[in-house]
Amino acid sequence: MPKLKSHKGASKRFKKTATGKVKRGHSHLRHILTSKDKKRKRKLGKATLVSHGDLAKVKRMIPYQ
């Protein structure tokens, strides 16, 4: 089998954990931050896991990470 190419956009956005799950960041933290409360901004800054429905698609895009 030939080597697979990583999706470069996905490789910048997602990281695999040691157990094979995939981490992602949150959106909505770039601008217009004054109208968002502190709790929301604090939670958006933390990483979370990719949902189960999108996991297989994302894992195909980052095969060697």
Protein backbone atom coordinates (compact mmCIF):
# COMPACT_ATOMS: atom_id res chain seq x y z
CA MET A 1 0.00 0.00 0.00
CA PRO A 2 1.25 3.52 -0.71
CA LYS A 3 1.57 6.00 2.08
CA LEU A 4 -1.46 8.18 2.84
CA LYS A 5 -1.31 11.94 2.79
CA SER A 6 -2.46 13.84 5.84
CA HIS A 7 -5.09 16.54 5.35
CA LYS A 8 -3.01 19.59 6.20
CA GLY A 9 -5.93 21.66 7.46
CA ALA A 10 -7.02 18.85 9.75
CA SER A 11 -3.51 18.19 11.04
CA LYS A 12 -3.32 21.80 12.23
CA ARG A 13 -6.68 21.58 14.02
CA PHE A 14 -6.74 18.10 15.57
CA LYS A 15 -4.37 16.06 17.76
CA LYS A 16 -4.62 12.41 18.68
CA THR A 17 -4.40 11.41 22.34
CA ALA A 18 -2.44 8.41 23.58
CA THR A 19 -5.61 6.31 23.78
CA GLY A 20 -6.64 7.10 20.19
CA LYS A 21 -9.22 9.78 20.85
CA VAL A 22 -9.01 13.09 18.99
CA LYS A 23 -8.78 16.52 20.63
CA ARG A 24 -10.09 19.73 19.09
CA GLY A 25 -10.32 23.39 20.02
CA HIS A 26 -13.43 25.54 20.26
CA SER A 27 -14.51 28.31 17.92
CA HIS A 28 -15.99 31.75 18.79
CA LEU A 29 -12.98 33.05 20.72
CA ARG A 30 -11.38 35.37 18.15
CA HIS A 31 -13.31 38.65 18.27
CA ILE A 32 -16.40 40.35 19.72
CA LEU A 33 -15.34 39.06 23.14
CA THR A 34 -16.85 41.89 25.16
CA SER A 35 -20.38 40.58 24.72
CA LYS A 36 -19.47 37.08 25.90
CA ASP A 37 -19.37 36.40 29.62
CA LYS A 38 -16.24 35.23 31.42
CA LYS A 39 -17.51 31.71 32.03
CA ARG A 40 -18.19 31.13 28.35
CA LYS A 41 -14.79 32.48 27.27
CA ARG A 42 -13.03 30.40 29.89
CA LYS A 43 -14.72 27.20 28.70
CA LEU A 44 -14.07 27.98 25.02
CA GLY A 45 -10.34 28.21 25.72
CA LYS A 46 -10.11 24.58 26.80
CA ALA A 47 -9.78 21.69 24.36
CA THR A 48 -12.42 18.99 24.06
CA LEU A 49 -12.88 15.69 22.25
CA VAL A 50 -14.28 15.24 18.75
CA SER A 51 -17.81 13.85 18.83
CA HIS A 52 -18.42 10.18 18.08
CA GLY A 53 -20.20 10.91 14.79
CA ASP A 54 -17.22 12.80 13.34
CA LEU A 55 -14.45 10.65 14.81
CA ALA A 56 -13.96 8.21 11.91
CA LYS A 57 -13.83 11.02 9.35
CA VAL A 58 -11.26 13.00 11.35
CA LYS A 59 -9.11 9.93 12.00
CA ARG A 60 -8.95 9.24 8.25
CA MET A 61 -7.68 12.77 7.69
CA ILE A 62 -4.82 12.47 10.21
CA PRO A 63 -3.57 8.87 9.76
CA TYR A 64 -0.05 9.23 11.18
CA GLN A 65 -0.41 11.65 14.08
